[in-house]
Amino acid sequence: MKLDFLGATEEVTGSKFMLTTLKGAKILLDCGMYQGKGLETDEMNRDLGFDPTEIDFLLLSHAHIDHSGLIPYIYKLGFRGKVFCTPATRDLCAIMLADSGRIQEADAKQFNKKEDRIGKEPIEPIYTEKDAAECMSQFVSIPHELAFNITPDVAIQFFESGHMLGSSAIFITFKEGRKMRRLCYTGDVGRYNKRILPDPKPFPAADYIITESTYGDRLHATLDEADKELMLVVKDACAKRRGKLLIPSFAIGRTQEIVYALHRLKLSGDLPDIDCFVDSPLACSATNIYRLHDEDFNTDIREFMEKTKDPFGFDNLTYVRTIDDSKRLNEYNRPCIIISASGMMEAGRIKHHLANNIEDPKTTILCVGYCSPTTLGARIMRGDKKVSIFGTEYTVKAHLERIDAYSGHADYNELIQYLSCQKENKKLKKIFIVHGEGEVRDKYAEHLKDAGFKQAYVPHFRETIELI
């Protein structure tokens, strides 16, 4: 059996890994978009490294676009295999991929306007909203921990990974003659003791593991500490500075975590009496899907829901869908909190809020998640004095804050804790470390080896490895 590393290798985004069995079946693990590199990402996303018509099955760990975002593209190019994932992942993909298709069309239209002025050929979007809608017919939902044969020789199970609603590690058992091979692809691994989602679940003994390393070089604060930090930032931004608090946030996962944290602060009396806005149509739709899938919630939020019906709604909180209502926030001159996508500040309505407020010293920008090094979010948070937004240069005068503890990704101690279920596994041959920046990934490999996992290995982009 062969394993090809086709994305998120020496990178954080673009997760794609292909397994080829001895009988020639091709199984793709995730099919994510590269993000955060400007025009370079377009070329990277179009260069798949495989023929979509040859893929028999796609196993999807979760709905984030850097793991699912090219499914409509390979469908457009002829992929007609089944996409297996959990029910919540399927429902989230239905809205996320459609949103991504609209973005591809809008980006292509905007780019072609500029290129037309200098006589260049127009480009086609990577895929359209229509492609995104049509590819959903290939999705098949399988609940967590249900063993399911996709062929007579290949069985799969999804195990809760605690990263986002519906997220999973994918455990695959291959029968090859008299031999059995077991591989676990962890996808993205969440933190322990989170507010909404269960802890990552242990998985059976594997021969091979593919695992992420996004925060493989650092440790997070606890969520109790994060809530205290959030309270202090809100009070400083809105009560002391009397300005707007902008929270760039991924529409799915992080937004719901922040809203729930604010709700808890509201009930405890620690949240100032200010208006809060979630300005993202995708986040609004995603929050409704969260409400539909409370079977994936942990006991803490279930107990909270017994006292308060809706964990994602409270007085002073408004979900903003329309463009006109979003624009009205520009004229909102009182202190407030605006949570808006995208988390890396590369797209979406947050860019408009940044353009309108980044030069105001009363404004606070609070980063609550990972930003790839080349993104607008990374440039702002590392202290660049001037940044370009929509082609206009702005001087960064806003106050900057960061809270990493709300991250959906485990730190290196939590990642090692997650893999501890394999500590006594004498059949484990290799742990492939992916989904991390170069130095971070290498540092995590060292941490793993120090913890006794001598099998840690860092593959290269488009490396092919025989799994014997």
Protein backbone atom coordinates (compact mmCIF):
# COMPACT_ATOMS: atom_id res chain seq x y z
CA MET A 1 0.00 0.00 0.00
CA LYS A 2 1.22 3.49 -0.87
CA LEU A 3 0.74 6.79 0.93
CA ASP A 4 1.17 10.06 -1.00
CA PHE A 5 1.54 13.38 0.84
CA LEU A 6 -0.19 15.86 -1.47
CA GLY A 7 -0.90 18.81 0.84
CA ALA A 8 -0.51 20.25 4.36
CA THR A 9 3.03 18.86 4.17
CA GLU A 10 5.56 21.54 5.07
CA GLU A 11 2.39 23.69 5.24
CA VAL A 12 -0.53 24.30 7.60
CA THR A 13 -3.32 24.34 5.01
CA GLY A 14 -4.34 22.26 1.99
CA SER A 15 -4.72 18.85 3.67
CA LYS A 16 -4.65 16.04 1.09
CA PHE A 17 -3.25 12.53 1.51
CA MET A 18 -3.83 9.61 -0.85
CA LEU A 19 -3.77 5.90 -0.08
CA THR A 20 -3.45 3.36 -2.89
CA THR A 21 -4.21 -0.25 -1.93
CA LEU A 22 -2.54 -3.32 -3.44
CA LYS A 23 -5.71 -3.88 -5.48
CA GLY A 24 -5.44 -0.35 -6.88
CA ALA A 25 -8.22 1.39 -4.94
CA LYS A 26 -7.44 5.09 -4.39
CA ILE A 27 -8.65 6.66 -1.15
CA LEU A 28 -8.23 10.38 -0.53
CA LEU A 29 -7.99 11.63 3.05
CA ASP A 30 -9.36 15.19 3.00
CA CYS A 31 -9.26 17.52 0.02
CA GLY A 32 -8.52 20.96 1.43
CA MET A 33 -7.71 24.33 -0.02
CA TYR A 34 -4.47 26.18 0.49
CA GLN A 35 -5.17 29.51 2.17
CA GLY A 36 -3.40 32.75 2.98
CA LYS A 37 -0.82 33.16 0.19
CA GLY A 38 -2.59 35.61 -2.09
CA LEU A 39 -2.43 34.86 -5.81
CA GLU A 40 -0.01 31.99 -5.20
CA THR A 41 -2.78 29.96 -3.57
CA ASP A 42 -4.81 29.90 -6.80
CA GLU A 43 -2.07 28.06 -8.67
CA MET A 44 -1.42 25.74 -5.72
CA ASN A 45 -5.11 24.83 -5.46
CA ARG A 46 -5.45 24.06 -9.15
CA ASP A 47 -2.38 21.77 -9.11
CA LEU A 48 -3.80 18.74 -7.31
CA GLY A 49 -1.10 16.16 -7.92
CA PHE A 50 -3.67 13.48 -8.83
CA ASP A 51 -6.42 12.73 -11.34
CA PRO A 52 -9.81 13.24 -9.63
CA THR A 53 -11.48 10.68 -11.92
CA GLU A 54 -9.25 7.97 -10.42
CA ILE A 55 -10.29 8.58 -6.79
CA ASP A 56 -12.66 5.88 -5.52
CA PHE A 57 -13.44 7.29 -2.06
CA LEU A 58 -12.85 10.47 -0.08
CA LEU A 59 -12.73 10.28 3.72
CA LEU A 60 -13.30 13.69 5.28
CA SER A 61 -12.11 14.51 8.80
CA HIS A 62 -14.06 17.76 9.22
CA ALA A 63 -15.64 20.70 7.43
CA HIS A 64 -13.00 23.45 7.65
CA ILE A 65 -12.11 24.71 4.19
CA ASP A 66 -8.43 23.82 4.48
CA HIS A 67 -9.64 20.20 4.75
CA SER A 68 -12.79 20.17 2.58
CA GLY A 69 -12.55 23.19 0.29
CA LEU A 70 -11.48 21.49 -2.96
CA ILE A 71 -14.20 18.84 -3.00
CA PRO A 72 -16.32 20.90 -5.43
CA TYR A 73 -13.23 21.39 -7.61
CA ILE A 74 -12.47 17.67 -7.96
CA TYR A 75 -16.19 17.06 -8.55
CA LYS A 76 -16.04 19.64 -11.35
CA LEU A 77 -13.07 17.72 -12.79
CA GLY A 78 -14.86 14.38 -12.77
CA PHE A 79 -14.64 12.87 -9.27
CA ARG A 80 -17.74 10.74 -8.65
CA GLY A 81 -16.71 8.69 -5.65
CA LYS A 82 -18.45 8.80 -2.29
CA VAL A 83 -17.44 11.30 0.40
CA PHE A 84 -17.70 9.71 3.85
CA CYS A 85 -17.96 11.94 6.94
CA THR A 86 -20.04 12.48 10.08
CA PRO A 87 -23.59 13.94 9.89
CA ALA A 88 -22.56 17.32 11.36
CA THR A 89 -19.62 17.56 8.94
CA ARG A 90 -21.96 16.93 6.03
CA ASP A 91 -24.39 19.65 7.18
CA LEU A 92 -21.58 22.16 7.74
CA CYS A 93 -20.03 21.40 4.34
CA ALA A 94 -23.37 22.17 2.68
CA ILE A 95 -23.11 25.81 3.80
CA MET A 96 -19.32 26.20 3.86
CA LEU A 97 -18.65 24.90 0.35
CA ALA A 98 -21.47 27.01 -1.10
CA ASP A 99 -19.98 30.05 0.64
CA SER A 100 -16.54 29.15 -0.73
CA GLY A 101 -18.00 28.84 -4.24
CA ARG A 102 -19.47 32.34 -3.98
CA ILE A 103 -16.05 33.62 -2.87
CA GLN A 104 -14.32 31.93 -5.85
CA GLU A 105 -16.80 33.58 -8.24
CA ALA A 106 -16.47 37.00 -6.61
CA ASP A 107 -12.67 36.82 -6.53
CA ALA A 108 -12.50 35.81 -10.20
CA LYS A 109 -14.87 38.62 -11.16
CA GLN A 110 -12.84 41.20 -9.24
CA PHE A 111 -9.54 39.92 -10.66
CA ASN A 112 -10.87 39.91 -14.22
CA LYS A 113 -12.00 43.53 -13.90
CA LYS A 114 -8.41 44.58 -13.23
CA GLU A 115 -6.89 42.27 -15.84
CA ASP A 116 -9.35 43.38 -18.52
CA ARG A 117 -7.97 46.91 -18.24
CA ILE A 118 -4.54 45.72 -19.35
CA GLY A 119 -5.80 43.29 -21.98
CA LYS A 120 -5.14 39.99 -20.18
CA GLU A 121 -7.22 36.84 -20.56
CA PRO A 122 -9.90 36.37 -17.86
CA ILE A 123 -9.58 33.55 -15.34
CA GLU A 124 -12.25 31.04 -14.36
CA PRO A 125 -13.15 30.55 -10.70
CA ILE A 126 -11.72 27.37 -9.20
CA TYR A 127 -15.34 26.32 -8.78
CA THR A 128 -18.76 27.91 -8.46
CA GLU A 129 -21.59 27.85 -5.96
CA LYS A 130 -23.38 25.48 -8.37
CA ASP A 131 -20.45 23.05 -8.31
CA ALA A 132 -20.54 23.17 -4.50
CA ALA A 133 -24.25 22.37 -4.41
CA GLU A 134 -23.91 19.49 -6.89
CA CYS A 135 -21.01 17.79 -5.12
CA MET A 136 -23.12 17.36 -1.97
CA SER A 137 -24.90 14.44 -3.67
CA GLN A 138 -21.69 12.42 -3.16
CA PHE A 139 -21.73 12.79 0.64
CA VAL A 140 -22.58 9.83 2.89
CA SER A 141 -22.96 10.40 6.64
CA ILE A 142 -21.64 7.90 9.17
CA PRO A 143 -21.97 8.46 12.95
CA HIS A 144 -18.94 8.45 15.23
CA GLU A 145 -17.55 5.00 16.12
CA LEU A 146 -19.74 3.01 13.72
CA ALA A 147 -17.55 0.50 11.85
CA PHE A 148 -18.40 0.64 8.16
CA ASN A 149 -16.97 -1.24 5.17
CA ILE A 150 -16.42 0.90 2.09
CA THR A 151 -15.10 -2.18 0.21
CA PRO A 152 -14.89 -5.83 1.28
CA ASP A 153 -11.24 -5.19 2.24
CA VAL A 154 -11.44 -1.67 3.71
CA ALA A 155 -13.32 -0.65 6.86
CA ILE A 156 -13.49 2.81 8.41
CA GLN A 157 -14.46 4.32 11.76
CA PHE A 158 -14.72 7.96 12.80
CA PHE A 159 -13.61 8.90 16.32
CA GLU A 160 -14.38 12.26 17.96
CA SER A 161 -11.34 14.56 17.66
CA GLY A 162 -12.75 17.52 19.63
CA HIS A 163 -11.65 20.11 17.06
CA MET A 164 -15.01 21.36 15.74
CA LEU A 165 -18.57 20.13 15.45
CA GLY A 166 -18.48 16.72 13.74
CA SER A 167 -14.69 16.56 13.55
CA SER A 168 -13.10 13.13 13.52
CA ALA A 169 -10.00 11.06 13.46
CA ILE A 170 -10.37 8.49 10.68
CA PHE A 171 -9.35 4.93 11.57
CA ILE A 172 -8.94 2.66 8.53
CA THR A 173 -8.43 -1.10 8.51
CA PHE A 174 -7.04 -2.66 5.32
CA LYS A 175 -7.10 -6.37 4.59
CA GLU A 176 -4.27 -7.29 2.23
CA GLY A 177 -4.16 -11.06 1.72
CA ARG A 178 -3.54 -12.52 5.17
CA LYS A 179 -2.25 -9.24 6.54
CA MET A 180 -4.18 -6.44 8.24
CA ARG A 181 -2.94 -2.86 8.16
CA ARG A 182 -4.38 -0.14 10.37
CA LEU A 183 -3.91 3.57 9.77
CA CYS A 184 -5.29 6.51 11.74
CA TYR A 185 -5.48 9.98 10.25
CA THR A 186 -6.17 12.29 13.19
CA GLY A 187 -7.30 15.29 11.16
CA ASP A 188 -7.12 18.31 13.46
CA VAL A 189 -7.04 17.53 17.18
CA GLY A 190 -8.95 19.74 19.62
CA ARG A 191 -8.19 20.76 23.18
CA TYR A 192 -9.23 18.90 26.30
CA ASN A 193 -11.89 20.27 28.70
CA LYS A 194 -13.45 22.55 26.10
CA ARG A 195 -16.70 24.43 26.69
CA ILE A 196 -18.80 22.92 23.89
CA LEU A 197 -17.22 19.79 22.42
CA PRO A 198 -16.24 16.47 24.00
CA ASP A 199 -12.60 15.62 24.57
CA PRO A 200 -10.75 13.87 21.75
CA LYS A 201 -11.46 10.15 21.97
CA PRO A 202 -8.72 7.49 21.96
CA PHE A 203 -8.54 5.26 18.90
CA PRO A 204 -7.52 1.59 18.48
CA ALA A 205 -3.94 0.40 17.96
CA ALA A 206 -2.62 1.56 14.60
CA ASP A 207 0.36 0.58 12.45
CA TYR A 208 0.61 4.10 11.04
CA ILE A 209 -0.62 7.51 12.22
CA ILE A 210 -0.86 10.79 10.29
CA THR A 211 -1.21 13.67 12.75
CA GLU A 212 -1.24 17.46 12.84
CA SER A 213 1.28 19.80 14.47
CA THR A 214 -0.25 23.29 14.20
CA TYR A 215 0.71 24.25 17.76
CA GLY A 216 3.44 21.66 18.18
CA ASP A 217 5.88 24.16 19.67
CA ARG A 218 3.77 25.84 22.37
CA LEU A 219 1.45 25.47 25.33
CA HIS A 220 -1.97 27.12 25.74
CA ALA A 221 -3.44 28.73 28.82
CA THR A 222 -6.51 27.07 30.35
CA LEU A 223 -9.99 28.09 29.20
CA ASP A 224 -10.72 29.55 32.64
CA GLU A 225 -7.70 31.81 32.16
CA ALA A 226 -8.89 32.61 28.63
CA ASP A 227 -12.31 33.68 29.93
CA LYS A 228 -10.63 35.99 32.44
CA GLU A 229 -8.44 37.45 29.68
CA LEU A 230 -11.50 37.95 27.49
CA MET A 231 -13.30 39.76 30.30
CA LEU A 232 -10.30 42.07 30.84
CA VAL A 233 -9.97 42.79 27.10
CA VAL A 234 -13.69 43.61 26.80
CA LYS A 235 -13.55 45.95 29.80
CA ASP A 236 -10.41 47.67 28.51
CA ALA A 237 -11.67 48.03 24.94
CA CYS A 238 -15.28 48.99 25.60
CA ALA A 239 -15.41 50.46 29.12
CA LYS A 240 -12.00 52.15 29.34
CA ARG A 241 -11.11 52.99 25.71
CA ARG A 242 -14.79 53.47 24.78
CA GLY A 243 -14.20 51.96 21.36
CA LYS A 244 -15.08 48.96 19.23
CA LEU A 245 -13.67 45.54 19.97
CA LEU A 246 -13.16 43.68 16.67
CA ILE A 247 -12.77 39.92 17.01
CA PRO A 248 -11.79 38.28 13.70
CA SER A 249 -13.01 34.72 14.05
CA PHE A 250 -13.55 31.62 11.98
CA ALA A 251 -17.27 31.44 11.27
CA ILE A 252 -17.52 27.85 12.39
CA GLY A 253 -16.14 26.70 15.72
CA ARG A 254 -14.35 29.75 17.04
CA THR A 255 -17.32 32.11 16.71
CA GLN A 256 -19.57 29.76 18.69
CA GLU A 257 -16.85 29.37 21.37
CA ILE A 258 -16.52 33.16 21.76
CA VAL A 259 -20.30 33.74 21.82
CA TYR A 260 -20.72 31.04 24.47
CA ALA A 261 -17.88 32.57 26.54
CA LEU A 262 -19.51 36.00 26.32
CA HIS A 263 -22.85 34.48 27.34
CA ARG A 264 -21.23 32.95 30.43
CA LEU A 265 -19.63 36.29 31.29
CA LYS A 266 -23.00 37.98 30.81
CA LEU A 267 -24.72 35.62 33.25
CA SER A 268 -21.94 36.02 35.82
CA GLY A 269 -22.27 39.82 35.65
CA ASP A 270 -18.72 40.26 34.31
CA LEU A 271 -19.71 41.52 30.84
CA PRO A 272 -20.24 45.30 30.51
CA ASP A 273 -23.69 46.33 29.29
CA ILE A 274 -22.72 46.73 25.63
CA ASP A 275 -24.07 45.49 22.32
CA CYS A 276 -22.48 42.46 20.67
CA PHE A 277 -22.76 41.65 16.96
CA VAL A 278 -21.95 38.48 15.02
CA ASP A 279 -21.47 39.90 11.53
CA SER A 280 -21.16 36.85 9.28
CA PRO A 281 -23.96 35.16 7.34
CA LEU A 282 -21.95 31.92 7.38
CA ALA A 283 -21.54 32.10 11.16
CA CYS A 284 -25.29 32.70 11.52
CA SER A 285 -26.07 29.59 9.46
CA ALA A 286 -23.39 27.56 11.22
CA THR A 287 -24.76 28.47 14.64
CA ASN A 288 -28.13 27.10 13.58
CA ILE A 289 -26.42 23.83 12.60
CA TYR A 290 -24.75 23.74 16.01
CA ARG A 291 -28.22 23.99 17.56
CA LEU A 292 -29.36 21.02 15.45
CA HIS A 293 -26.46 18.78 16.49
CA ASP A 294 -26.46 18.95 20.26
CA GLU A 295 -25.72 15.19 20.24
CA ASP A 296 -22.11 16.27 19.64
CA PHE A 297 -22.03 18.56 22.70
CA ASN A 298 -20.29 17.77 25.98
CA THR A 299 -21.97 17.52 29.40
CA ASP A 300 -20.95 21.04 30.49
CA ILE A 301 -22.90 22.82 27.77
CA ARG A 302 -25.80 20.38 28.16
CA GLU A 303 -26.08 21.39 31.83
CA PHE A 304 -25.88 25.06 30.80
CA MET A 305 -28.72 24.47 28.31
CA GLU A 306 -30.92 23.08 31.07
CA LYS A 307 -30.79 26.50 32.73
CA THR A 308 -30.56 28.68 29.62
CA LYS A 309 -32.26 27.43 26.48
CA ASP A 310 -29.89 28.86 23.88
CA PRO A 311 -26.14 28.97 24.67
CA PHE A 312 -25.56 30.99 21.50
CA GLY A 313 -28.03 33.78 22.19
CA PHE A 314 -28.43 36.41 24.90
CA ASP A 315 -29.71 39.95 25.44
CA ASN A 316 -27.62 42.52 23.55
CA LEU A 317 -26.42 39.91 21.02
CA THR A 318 -27.45 40.44 17.38
CA TYR A 319 -26.73 38.17 14.43
CA VAL A 320 -26.14 40.28 11.31
CA ARG A 321 -26.93 38.75 7.92
CA THR A 322 -27.58 41.51 5.39
CA ILE A 323 -24.97 43.75 3.80
CA ASP A 324 -26.99 46.85 4.71
CA ASP A 325 -27.08 45.90 8.39
CA SER A 326 -23.35 45.20 8.26
CA LYS A 327 -22.68 48.62 6.76
CA ARG A 328 -24.74 50.26 9.50
CA LEU A 329 -22.15 49.08 12.00
CA ASN A 330 -19.77 51.62 10.44
CA GLU A 331 -22.00 54.37 11.82
CA TYR A 332 -22.39 52.66 15.20
CA ASN A 333 -20.48 55.10 17.41
CA ARG A 334 -20.92 53.45 20.81
CA PRO A 335 -18.61 50.85 22.35
CA CYS A 336 -19.48 47.39 21.08
CA ILE A 337 -18.11 43.96 20.21
CA ILE A 338 -18.09 42.86 16.55
CA ILE A 339 -17.26 39.21 15.84
CA SER A 340 -16.73 38.70 12.14
CA ALA A 341 -15.09 36.28 9.71
CA SER A 342 -12.53 35.47 8.59
CA GLY A 343 -10.22 34.53 11.44
CA MET A 344 -7.04 35.22 9.44
CA MET A 345 -8.52 38.58 8.30
CA GLU A 346 -7.96 37.60 4.66
CA ALA A 347 -11.57 37.79 3.46
CA GLY A 348 -15.13 38.40 4.56
CA ARG A 349 -16.74 41.30 6.38
CA ILE A 350 -13.97 41.64 8.96
CA LYS A 351 -11.80 43.29 6.28
CA HIS A 352 -14.39 46.07 5.92
CA HIS A 353 -14.50 46.57 9.69
CA LEU A 354 -10.70 46.70 9.78
CA ALA A 355 -10.60 49.23 6.95
CA ASN A 356 -13.09 51.43 8.79
CA ASN A 357 -11.55 51.18 12.26
CA ILE A 358 -7.87 50.19 12.15
CA GLU A 359 -6.67 53.81 12.21
CA ASP A 360 -8.75 54.66 15.28
CA PRO A 361 -6.70 54.36 18.53
CA LYS A 362 -9.91 53.61 20.43
CA THR A 363 -10.36 50.39 18.41
CA THR A 364 -9.09 47.07 19.78
CA ILE A 365 -8.38 44.07 17.54
CA LEU A 366 -8.45 40.77 19.42
CA CYS A 367 -6.93 37.76 17.64
CA VAL A 368 -8.31 34.46 18.98
CA GLY A 369 -6.80 31.93 16.59
CA TYR A 370 -4.03 30.93 14.25
CA CYS A 371 -2.99 33.18 11.36
CA SER A 372 -0.73 31.82 8.60
CA PRO A 373 2.49 33.89 8.37
CA THR A 374 1.62 35.57 5.05
CA THR A 375 -1.94 36.62 5.95
CA LEU A 376 -3.24 40.10 6.78
CA GLY A 377 -3.96 38.87 10.32
CA ALA A 378 -0.35 37.81 10.82
CA ARG A 379 0.97 41.13 9.48
CA ILE A 380 -1.28 43.13 11.81
CA MET A 381 -0.58 41.01 14.88
CA ARG A 382 3.20 40.97 14.44
CA GLY A 383 3.15 44.75 14.58
CA ASP A 384 3.44 45.98 10.99
CA LYS A 385 2.88 49.73 11.10
CA LYS A 386 1.14 49.86 7.71
CA VAL A 387 -1.01 47.24 5.98
CA SER A 388 -2.86 47.09 2.68
CA ILE A 389 -6.61 46.38 2.80
CA PHE A 390 -8.53 46.28 -0.49
CA GLY A 391 -5.52 47.89 -2.18
CA THR A 392 -5.43 50.90 0.17
CA GLU A 393 -2.64 51.40 2.69
CA TYR A 394 -3.70 51.96 6.30
CA THR A 395 -1.67 52.93 9.35
CA VAL A 396 -2.27 50.51 12.22
CA LYS A 397 -3.28 52.64 15.20
CA ALA A 398 -5.67 50.16 16.81
CA HIS A 399 -4.74 48.46 20.07
CA LEU A 400 -3.82 44.78 19.55
CA GLU A 401 -4.61 41.82 21.82
CA ARG A 402 -4.24 38.05 21.43
CA ILE A 403 -5.77 35.06 23.24
CA ASP A 404 -4.55 31.69 21.94
CA ALA A 405 -6.38 29.53 24.46
CA TYR A 406 -9.62 29.56 22.44
CA SER A 407 -7.81 27.77 19.64
CA GLY A 408 -9.48 24.70 18.23
CA HIS A 409 -6.04 23.05 18.02
CA ALA A 410 -4.35 21.17 20.85
CA ASP A 411 -0.96 22.34 22.10
CA TYR A 412 1.97 19.90 22.11
CA ASN A 413 1.21 18.50 25.57
CA GLU A 414 -2.41 17.87 24.56
CA LEU A 415 -1.30 16.31 21.26
CA ILE A 416 1.00 13.95 23.13
CA GLN A 417 -1.80 13.21 25.62
CA TYR A 418 -4.02 12.34 22.65
CA LEU A 419 -1.45 9.90 21.25
CA SER A 420 -0.87 8.30 24.65
CA CYS A 421 -3.45 5.66 23.74
CA GLN A 422 -0.73 4.27 21.45
CA LYS A 423 2.03 4.29 24.08
CA GLU A 424 1.97 0.52 24.59
CA ASN A 425 1.30 -0.24 20.93
CA LYS A 426 4.27 -2.35 19.83
CA LYS A 427 2.98 -2.55 16.24
CA LEU A 428 3.20 1.22 15.67
CA LYS A 429 5.69 1.76 12.84
CA LYS A 430 5.48 5.45 11.95
CA ILE A 431 3.87 8.70 13.09
CA PHE A 432 3.78 11.08 10.13
CA ILE A 433 3.76 14.74 11.23
CA VAL A 434 1.88 17.12 8.93
CA HIS A 435 -0.20 20.32 9.04
CA GLY A 436 2.43 22.58 10.59
CA GLU A 437 4.94 25.28 9.72
CA GLY A 438 8.51 24.07 9.26
CA GLU A 439 10.13 24.89 12.61
CA VAL A 440 6.93 24.14 14.53
CA ARG A 441 6.57 20.74 12.87
CA ASP A 442 10.22 19.85 13.56
CA LYS A 443 9.91 20.97 17.18
CA TYR A 444 6.85 18.78 17.67
CA ALA A 445 8.76 15.80 16.25
CA GLU A 446 11.36 16.41 18.97
CA HIS A 447 8.66 16.61 21.66
CA LEU A 448 7.19 13.33 20.43
CA LYS A 449 10.56 11.59 20.51
CA ASP A 450 11.24 12.95 24.00
CA ALA A 451 7.86 11.47 25.04
CA GLY A 452 8.96 8.04 23.80
CA PHE A 453 7.49 8.11 20.29
CA LYS A 454 10.67 7.35 18.35
CA GLN A 455 8.56 6.59 15.27
CA ALA A 456 7.96 10.32 14.55
CA TYR A 457 8.75 11.24 10.95
CA VAL A 458 8.36 14.49 9.00
CA PRO A 459 7.43 13.75 5.35
CA HIS A 460 8.14 16.06 2.43
CA PHE A 461 5.64 17.54 0.00
CA ARG A 462 4.58 14.92 -2.56
CA GLU A 463 6.68 12.24 -0.95
CA THR A 464 5.44 8.69 -1.55
CA ILE A 465 5.92 6.09 1.18
CA GLU A 466 5.29 2.34 1.00
CA LEU A 467 3.33 1.11 4.02
CA ILE A 468 4.61 -2.40 4.54
